[in-house]
Amino acid sequence: MLELMILLICACILISALLAVLLNNLLAAIVSGGLASLFAALSFLLLAAPDVAMAEAAIGSGLATFIFLYALRKTGYWENRE
């Protein structure tokens, strides 16, 4: 059962990573990349590595997504969309 859950989460990682690459909207691509990192943290948790899962969730999903959103705001992405 655990192997099936891990395979399902790995499929979700691949799907969200592909969406991050293929989407034309930068905001949706950033959110999709953060979601891939969150799925990776969940897979680390299921594989009994809670310290790695916490680091991935905090840095990979949280901090990196925040930095990308901040950079997108500083470049004036939303002002140029109108």
PDB file of N, CA and C in Angstrom:
ATOM      1  N   MET A   1       0.823  -1.198   0.000  1.00  0.00           N
ATOM      2  CA  MET A   1       0.000   0.000   0.000  1.00  0.00           C
ATOM      3  C   MET A   1       0.873   1.271   0.000  1.00  0.00           C
ATOM      4  N   LEU A   2       1.954   1.216   0.781  1.00  0.00           N
ATOM      5  CA  LEU A   2       2.850   2.367   0.835  1.00  0.00           C
ATOM      6  C   LEU A   2       3.514   2.620  -0.510  1.00  0.00           C
ATOM      7  N   GLU A   3       3.877   1.543  -1.194  1.00  0.00           N
ATOM      8  CA  GLU A   3       4.511   1.692  -2.503  1.00  0.00           C
ATOM      9  C   GLU A   3       3.567   2.341  -3.506  1.00  0.00           C
ATOM     10  N   LEU A   4       2.299   1.993  -3.423  1.00  0.00           N
ATOM     11  CA  LEU A   4       1.305   2.592  -4.319  1.00  0.00           C
ATOM     12  C   LEU A   4       1.132   4.076  -4.043  1.00  0.00           C
ATOM     13  N   MET A   5       1.123   4.448  -2.770  1.00  0.00           N
ATOM     14  CA  MET A   5       1.001   5.868  -2.417  1.00  0.00           C
ATOM     15  C   MET A   5       2.217   6.656  -2.888  1.00  0.00           C
ATOM     16  N   ILE A   6       3.398   6.074  -2.744  1.00  0.00           N
ATOM     17  CA  ILE A   6       4.625   6.754  -3.176  1.00  0.00           C
ATOM     18  C   ILE A   6       4.637   6.908  -4.695  1.00  0.00           C
ATOM     19  N   LEU A   7       4.200   5.876  -5.409  1.00  0.00           N
ATOM     20  CA  LEU A   7       4.126   5.985  -6.870  1.00  0.00           C
ATOM     21  C   LEU A   7       3.113   7.041  -7.305  1.00  0.00           C
ATOM     22  N   LEU A   8       1.998   7.133  -6.602  1.00  0.00           N
ATOM     23  CA  LEU A   8       0.991   8.153  -6.915  1.00  0.00           C
ATOM     24  C   LEU A   8       1.532   9.551  -6.661  1.00  0.00           C
ATOM     25  N   ILE A   9       2.255   9.724  -5.574  1.00  0.00           N
ATOM     26  CA  ILE A   9       2.832  11.037  -5.266  1.00  0.00           C
ATOM     27  C   ILE A   9       3.928  11.384  -6.268  1.00  0.00           C
ATOM     28  N   CYS A  10       4.714  10.391  -6.687  1.00  0.00           N
ATOM     29  CA  CYS A  10       5.736  10.647  -7.713  1.00  0.00           C
ATOM     30  C   CYS A  10       5.097  11.049  -9.040  1.00  0.00           C
ATOM     31  N   ALA A  11       3.958  10.445  -9.367  1.00  0.00           N
ATOM     32  CA  ALA A  11       3.234  10.849 -10.574  1.00  0.00           C
ATOM     33  C   ALA A  11       2.735  12.285 -10.441  1.00  0.00           C
ATOM     34  N   CYS A  12       2.281  12.658  -9.257  1.00  0.00           N
ATOM     35  CA  CYS A  12       1.837  14.039  -9.033  1.00  0.00           C
ATOM     36  C   CYS A  12       2.997  15.020  -9.142  1.00  0.00           C
ATOM     37  N   ILE A  13       4.190  14.607  -8.692  1.00  0.00           N
ATOM     38  CA  ILE A  13       5.380  15.453  -8.826  1.00  0.00           C
ATOM     39  C   ILE A  13       5.683  15.679 -10.304  1.00  0.00           C
ATOM     40  N   LEU A  14       5.647  14.611 -11.083  1.00  0.00           N
ATOM     41  CA  LEU A  14       5.929  14.738 -12.513  1.00  0.00           C
ATOM     42  C   LEU A  14       4.904  15.611 -13.224  1.00  0.00           C
ATOM     43  N   ILE A  15       3.629  15.440 -12.894  1.00  0.00           N
ATOM     44  CA  ILE A  15       2.575  16.226 -13.540  1.00  0.00           C
ATOM     45  C   ILE A  15       2.715  17.705 -13.199  1.00  0.00           C
ATOM     46  N   SER A  16       2.933  18.016 -11.928  1.00  0.00           N
ATOM     47  CA  SER A  16       3.050  19.431 -11.562  1.00  0.00           C
ATOM     48  C   SER A  16       4.339  20.042 -12.102  1.00  0.00           C
ATOM     49  N   ALA A  17       5.411  19.260 -12.219  1.00  0.00           N
ATOM     50  CA  ALA A  17       6.646  19.788 -12.814  1.00  0.00           C
ATOM     51  C   ALA A  17       6.460  20.047 -14.305  1.00  0.00           C
ATOM     52  N   LEU A  18       5.753  19.156 -14.981  1.00  0.00           N
ATOM     53  CA  LEU A  18       5.462  19.396 -16.401  1.00  0.00           C
ATOM     54  C   LEU A  18       4.584  20.624 -16.583  1.00  0.00           C
ATOM     55  N   LEU A  19       3.606  20.793 -15.705  1.00  0.00           N
ATOM     56  CA  LEU A  19       2.765  21.988 -15.779  1.00  0.00           C
ATOM     57  C   LEU A  19       3.590  23.248 -15.557  1.00  0.00           C
ATOM     58  N   ALA A  20       4.544  23.195 -14.630  1.00  0.00           N
ATOM     59  CA  ALA A  20       5.385  24.361 -14.371  1.00  0.00           C
ATOM     60  C   ALA A  20       6.199  24.747 -15.592  1.00  0.00           C
ATOM     61  N   VAL A  21       6.599  23.761 -16.381  1.00  0.00           N
ATOM     62  CA  VAL A  21       7.389  24.046 -17.572  1.00  0.00           C
ATOM     63  C   VAL A  21       6.509  24.492 -18.736  1.00  0.00           C
ATOM     64  N   LEU A  22       5.333  23.899 -18.868  1.00  0.00           N
ATOM     65  CA  LEU A  22       4.520  24.126 -20.054  1.00  0.00           C
ATOM     66  C   LEU A  22       3.538  25.293 -19.954  1.00  0.00           C
ATOM     67  N   LEU A  23       3.229  25.762 -18.750  1.00  0.00           N
ATOM     68  CA  LEU A  23       2.254  26.842 -18.615  1.00  0.00           C
ATOM     69  C   LEU A  23       2.826  28.167 -19.100  1.00  0.00           C
ATOM     70  N   ASN A  24       1.992  28.965 -19.747  1.00  0.00           N
ATOM     71  CA  ASN A  24       2.418  30.285 -20.230  1.00  0.00           C
ATOM     72  C   ASN A  24       2.281  31.357 -19.159  1.00  0.00           C
ATOM     73  N   ASN A  25       1.384  31.165 -18.221  1.00  0.00           N
ATOM     74  CA  ASN A  25       1.187  32.120 -17.139  1.00  0.00           C
ATOM     75  C   ASN A  25       2.267  31.905 -16.081  1.00  0.00           C
ATOM     76  N   LEU A  26       3.063  32.926 -15.796  1.00  0.00           N
ATOM     77  CA  LEU A  26       4.174  32.781 -14.857  1.00  0.00           C
ATOM     78  C   LEU A  26       3.709  32.505 -13.439  1.00  0.00           C
ATOM     79  N   LEU A  27       2.609  33.138 -13.031  1.00  0.00           N
ATOM     80  CA  LEU A  27       2.113  32.917 -11.681  1.00  0.00           C
ATOM     81  C   LEU A  27       1.679  31.466 -11.496  1.00  0.00           C
ATOM     82  N   ALA A  28       0.967  30.922 -12.468  1.00  0.00           N
ATOM     83  CA  ALA A  28       0.542  29.525 -12.385  1.00  0.00           C
ATOM     84  C   ALA A  28       1.741  28.583 -12.424  1.00  0.00           C
ATOM     85  N   ALA A  29       2.769  28.931 -13.179  1.00  0.00           N
ATOM     86  CA  ALA A  29       3.970  28.095 -13.235  1.00  0.00           C
ATOM     87  C   ALA A  29       4.713  28.100 -11.901  1.00  0.00           C
ATOM     88  N   ILE A  30       4.768  29.242 -11.237  1.00  0.00           N
ATOM     89  CA  ILE A  30       5.418  29.325  -9.935  1.00  0.00           C
ATOM     90  C   ILE A  30       4.658  28.503  -8.905  1.00  0.00           C
ATOM     91  N   VAL A  31       3.349  28.611  -8.906  1.00  0.00           N
ATOM     92  CA  VAL A  31       2.532  27.840  -7.959  1.00  0.00           C
ATOM     93  C   VAL A  31       2.666  26.348  -8.246  1.00  0.00           C
ATOM     94  N   SER A  32       2.709  25.977  -9.497  1.00  0.00           N
ATOM     95  CA  SER A  32       2.861  24.570  -9.854  1.00  0.00           C
ATOM     96  C   SER A  32       4.233  24.036  -9.436  1.00  0.00           C
ATOM     97  N   GLY A  33       5.253  24.836  -9.551  1.00  0.00           N
ATOM     98  CA  GLY A  33       6.582  24.432  -9.076  1.00  0.00           C
ATOM     99  C   GLY A  33       6.617  24.259  -7.567  1.00  0.00           C
ATOM    100  N   GLY A  34       5.947  25.150  -6.857  1.00  0.00           N
ATOM    101  CA  GLY A  34       5.841  25.005  -5.404  1.00  0.00           C
ATOM    102  C   GLY A  34       5.067  23.768  -5.008  1.00  0.00           C
ATOM    103  N   LEU A  35       4.062  23.442  -5.794  1.00  0.00           N
ATOM    104  CA  LEU A  35       3.276  22.244  -5.533  1.00  0.00           C
ATOM    105  C   LEU A  35       4.107  20.980  -5.758  1.00  0.00           C
ATOM    106  N   ALA A  36       4.965  20.987  -6.767  1.00  0.00           N
ATOM    107  CA  ALA A  36       5.863  19.848  -6.994  1.00  0.00           C
ATOM    108  C   ALA A  36       6.789  19.657  -5.799  1.00  0.00           C
ATOM    109  N   SER A  37       7.272  20.743  -5.248  1.00  0.00           N
ATOM    110  CA  SER A  37       8.132  20.655  -4.078  1.00  0.00           C
ATOM    111  C   SER A  37       7.366  20.163  -2.856  1.00  0.00           C
ATOM    112  N   LEU A  38       6.119  20.561  -2.738  1.00  0.00           N
ATOM    113  CA  LEU A  38       5.297  20.092  -1.625  1.00  0.00           C
ATOM    114  C   LEU A  38       5.015  18.599  -1.739  1.00  0.00           C
ATOM    115  N   PHE A  39       4.778  18.112  -2.945  1.00  0.00           N
ATOM    116  CA  PHE A  39       4.613  16.672  -3.145  1.00  0.00           C
ATOM    117  C   PHE A  39       5.909  15.920  -2.830  1.00  0.00           C
ATOM    118  N   ALA A  40       7.039  16.522  -3.143  1.00  0.00           N
ATOM    119  CA  ALA A  40       8.321  15.892  -2.820  1.00  0.00           C
ATOM    120  C   ALA A  40       8.491  15.798  -1.302  1.00  0.00           C
ATOM    121  N   ALA A  41       8.085  16.840  -0.587  1.00  0.00           N
ATOM    122  CA  ALA A  41       8.161  16.796   0.872  1.00  0.00           C
ATOM    123  C   ALA A  41       7.260  15.705   1.432  1.00  0.00           C
ATOM    124  N   LEU A  42       6.098  15.537   0.843  1.00  0.00           N
ATOM    125  CA  LEU A  42       5.191  14.483   1.280  1.00  0.00           C
ATOM    126  C   LEU A  42       5.783  13.096   1.019  1.00  0.00           C
ATOM    127  N   SER A  43       6.452  12.938  -0.114  1.00  0.00           N
ATOM    128  CA  SER A  43       7.078  11.645  -0.392  1.00  0.00           C
ATOM    129  C   SER A  43       8.228  11.371   0.573  1.00  0.00           C
ATOM    130  N   PHE A  44       8.999  12.402   0.942  1.00  0.00           N
ATOM    131  CA  PHE A  44      10.059  12.212   1.930  1.00  0.00           C
ATOM    132  C   PHE A  44       9.475  11.818   3.280  1.00  0.00           C
ATOM    133  N   LEU A  45       8.330  12.380   3.623  1.00  0.00           N
ATOM    134  CA  LEU A  45       7.682  12.040   4.884  1.00  0.00           C
ATOM    135  C   LEU A  45       7.224  10.582   4.881  1.00  0.00           C
ATOM    136  N   LEU A  46       6.684  10.127   3.765  1.00  0.00           N
ATOM    137  CA  LEU A  46       6.250   8.735   3.672  1.00  0.00           C
ATOM    138  C   LEU A  46       7.425   7.764   3.667  1.00  0.00           C
ATOM    139  N   LEU A  47       8.580   8.226   3.206  1.00  0.00           N
ATOM    140  CA  LEU A  47       9.775   7.383   3.188  1.00  0.00           C
ATOM    141  C   LEU A  47      10.557   7.457   4.498  1.00  0.00           C
ATOM    142  N   ALA A  48       9.924   7.978   5.548  1.00  0.00           N
ATOM    143  CA  ALA A  48      10.472   8.031   6.911  1.00  0.00           C
ATOM    144  C   ALA A  48      11.701   8.927   7.008  1.00  0.00           C
ATOM    145  N   ALA A  49      11.656  10.069   6.365  1.00  0.00           N
ATOM    146  CA  ALA A  49      12.714  11.066   6.492  1.00  0.00           C
ATOM    147  C   ALA A  49      12.078  12.405   6.852  1.00  0.00           C
ATOM    148  N   PRO A  50      11.598  12.542   8.099  1.00  0.00           N
ATOM    149  CA  PRO A  50      10.863  13.764   8.454  1.00  0.00           C
ATOM    150  C   PRO A  50      11.717  15.022   8.456  1.00  0.00           C
ATOM    151  N   ASP A  51      13.011  14.904   8.761  1.00  0.00           N
ATOM    152  CA  ASP A  51      13.872  16.086   8.755  1.00  0.00           C
ATOM    153  C   ASP A  51      14.065  16.623   7.340  1.00  0.00           C
ATOM    154  N   VAL A  52      14.230  15.728   6.380  1.00  0.00           N
ATOM    155  CA  VAL A  52      14.359  16.137   4.984  1.00  0.00           C
ATOM    156  C   VAL A  52      13.033  16.702   4.484  1.00  0.00           C
ATOM    157  N   ALA A  53      11.929  16.109   4.926  1.00  0.00           N
ATOM    158  CA  ALA A  53      10.611  16.590   4.513  1.00  0.00           C
ATOM    159  C   ALA A  53      10.350  18.002   5.031  1.00  0.00           C
ATOM    160  N   MET A  54      10.746  18.267   6.267  1.00  0.00           N
ATOM    161  CA  MET A  54      10.545  19.621   6.816  1.00  0.00           C
ATOM    162  C   MET A  54      11.415  20.637   6.090  1.00  0.00           C
ATOM    163  N   ALA A  55      12.641  20.263   5.775  1.00  0.00           N
ATOM    164  CA  ALA A  55      13.519  21.185   5.057  1.00  0.00           C
ATOM    165  C   ALA A  55      12.999  21.449   3.649  1.00  0.00           C
ATOM    166  N   GLU A  56      12.508  20.415   2.974  1.00  0.00           N
ATOM    167  CA  GLU A  56      11.968  20.588   1.621  1.00  0.00           C
ATOM    168  C   GLU A  56      10.709  21.445   1.634  1.00  0.00           C
ATOM    169  N   ALA A  57       9.856  21.220   2.623  1.00  0.00           N
ATOM    170  CA  ALA A  57       8.629  22.009   2.705  1.00  0.00           C
ATOM    171  C   ALA A  57       8.933  23.467   3.020  1.00  0.00           C
ATOM    172  N   ALA A  58       9.861  23.697   3.933  1.00  0.00           N
ATOM    173  CA  ALA A  58      10.160  25.072   4.335  1.00  0.00           C
ATOM    174  C   ALA A  58      10.943  25.827   3.272  1.00  0.00           C
ATOM    175  N   ILE A  59      11.997  25.217   2.757  1.00  0.00           N
ATOM    176  CA  ILE A  59      12.872  25.912   1.817  1.00  0.00           C
ATOM    177  C   ILE A  59      12.379  25.769   0.386  1.00  0.00           C
ATOM    178  N   GLY A  60      12.154  24.540  -0.036  1.00  0.00           N
ATOM    179  CA  GLY A  60      11.777  24.292  -1.424  1.00  0.00           C
ATOM    180  C   GLY A  60      10.412  24.835  -1.779  1.00  0.00           C
ATOM    181  N   SER A  61       9.451  24.549  -0.943  1.00  0.00           N
ATOM    182  CA  SER A  61       8.090  24.976  -1.260  1.00  0.00           C
ATOM    183  C   SER A  61       7.799  26.386  -0.765  1.00  0.00           C
ATOM    184  N   GLY A  62       8.185  26.675   0.450  1.00  0.00           N
ATOM    185  CA  GLY A  62       7.845  27.969   1.026  1.00  0.00           C
ATOM    186  C   GLY A  62       8.724  29.117   0.580  1.00  0.00           C
ATOM    187  N   LEU A  63      10.002  29.029   0.900  1.00  0.00           N
ATOM    188  CA  LEU A  63      10.917  30.142   0.653  1.00  0.00           C
ATOM    189  C   LEU A  63      11.157  30.384  -0.833  1.00  0.00           C
ATOM    190  N   ALA A  64      11.376  29.315  -1.589  1.00  0.00           N
ATOM    191  CA  ALA A  64      11.648  29.484  -3.019  1.00  0.00           C
ATOM    192  C   ALA A  64      10.438  30.076  -3.746  1.00  0.00           C
ATOM    193  N   THR A  65       9.249  29.599  -3.407  1.00  0.00           N
ATOM    194  CA  THR A  65       8.037  30.154  -4.023  1.00  0.00           C
ATOM    195  C   THR A  65       7.864  31.619  -3.662  1.00  0.00           C
ATOM    196  N   PHE A  66       8.132  31.964  -2.413  1.00  0.00           N
ATOM    197  CA  PHE A  66       8.032  33.358  -1.989  1.00  0.00           C
ATOM    198  C   PHE A  66       9.032  34.236  -2.732  1.00  0.00           C
ATOM    199  N   ILE A  67      10.259  33.765  -2.912  1.00  0.00           N
ATOM    200  CA  ILE A  67      11.275  34.545  -3.617  1.00  0.00           C
ATOM    201  C   ILE A  67      10.886  34.749  -5.074  1.00  0.00           C
ATOM    202  N   PHE A  68      10.362  33.696  -5.718  1.00  0.00           N
ATOM    203  CA  PHE A  68       9.910  33.828  -7.103  1.00  0.00           C
ATOM    204  C   PHE A  68       8.758  34.824  -7.214  1.00  0.00           C
ATOM    205  N   LEU A  69       7.802  34.759  -6.291  1.00  0.00           N
ATOM    206  CA  LEU A  69       6.683  35.706  -6.321  1.00  0.00           C
ATOM    207  C   LEU A  69       7.160  37.132  -6.064  1.00  0.00           C
ATOM    208  N   TYR A  70       8.116  37.303  -5.173  1.00  0.00           N
ATOM    209  CA  TYR A  70       8.678  38.619  -4.902  1.00  0.00           C
ATOM    210  C   TYR A  70       9.397  39.174  -6.136  1.00  0.00           C
ATOM    211  N   ALA A  71      10.168  38.324  -6.802  1.00  0.00           N
ATOM    212  CA  ALA A  71      10.869  38.758  -8.015  1.00  0.00           C
ATOM    213  C   ALA A  71       9.882  39.108  -9.118  1.00  0.00           C
ATOM    214  N   LEU A  72       8.798  38.357  -9.202  1.00  0.00           N
ATOM    215  CA  LEU A  72       7.777  38.646 -10.201  1.00  0.00           C
ATOM    216  C   LEU A  72       7.110  39.989  -9.924  1.00  0.00           C
ATOM    217  N   ARG A  73       6.914  40.298  -8.656  1.00  0.00           N
ATOM    218  CA  ARG A  73       6.317  41.579  -8.276  1.00  0.00           C
ATOM    219  C   ARG A  73       7.274  42.736  -8.558  1.00  0.00           C
ATOM    220  N   LYS A  74       8.567  42.520  -8.274  1.00  0.00           N
ATOM    221  CA  LYS A  74       9.555  43.576  -8.488  1.00  0.00           C
ATOM    222  C   LYS A  74       9.785  43.882  -9.966  1.00  0.00           C
ATOM    223  N   THR A  75       9.558  42.925 -10.832  1.00  0.00           N
ATOM    224  CA  THR A  75       9.736  43.169 -12.257  1.00  0.00           C
ATOM    225  C   THR A  75       8.539  43.886 -12.869  1.00  0.00           C
ATOM    226  N   GLY A  76       7.481  44.067 -12.104  1.00  0.00           N
ATOM    227  CA  GLY A  76       6.306  44.749 -12.622  1.00  0.00           C
ATOM    228  C   GLY A  76       5.451  43.868 -13.514  1.00  0.00           C
ATOM    229  N   TYR A  77       5.420  42.594 -13.216  1.00  0.00           N
ATOM    230  CA  TYR A  77       4.684  41.639 -14.051  1.00  0.00           C
ATOM    231  C   TYR A  77       3.203  41.971 -14.094  1.00  0.00           C
ATOM    232  N   TRP A  78       2.597  42.310 -12.967  1.00  0.00           N
ATOM    233  CA  TRP A  78       1.161  42.559 -12.940  1.00  0.00           C
ATOM    234  C   TRP A  78       0.801  43.896 -13.585  1.00  0.00           C
ATOM    235  N   GLU A  79       1.689  44.881 -13.503  1.00  0.00           N
ATOM    236  CA  GLU A  79       1.407  46.158 -14.141  1.00  0.00           C
ATOM    237  C   GLU A  79       1.471  46.064 -15.660  1.00  0.00           C
ATOM    238  N   ASN A  80       2.357  45.204 -16.170  1.00  0.00           N
ATOM    239  CA  ASN A  80       2.519  45.061 -17.619  1.00  0.00           C
ATOM    240  C   ASN A  80       1.463  44.158 -18.239  1.00  0.00           C
ATOM    241  N   ARG A  81       0.697  43.444 -17.412  1.00  0.00           N
ATOM    242  CA  ARG A  81      -0.307  42.515 -17.934  1.00  0.00           C
ATOM    243  C   ARG A  81      -1.546  43.235 -18.456  1.00  0.00           C
ATOM    244  N   GLU A  82      -1.764  44.452 -18.018  1.00  0.00           N
ATOM    245  CA  GLU A  82      -2.989  45.178 -18.394  1.00  0.00           C
ATOM    246  C   GLU A  82      -2.885  45.851 -19.729  1.00  0.00           C
TER     247      GLU A  82
END
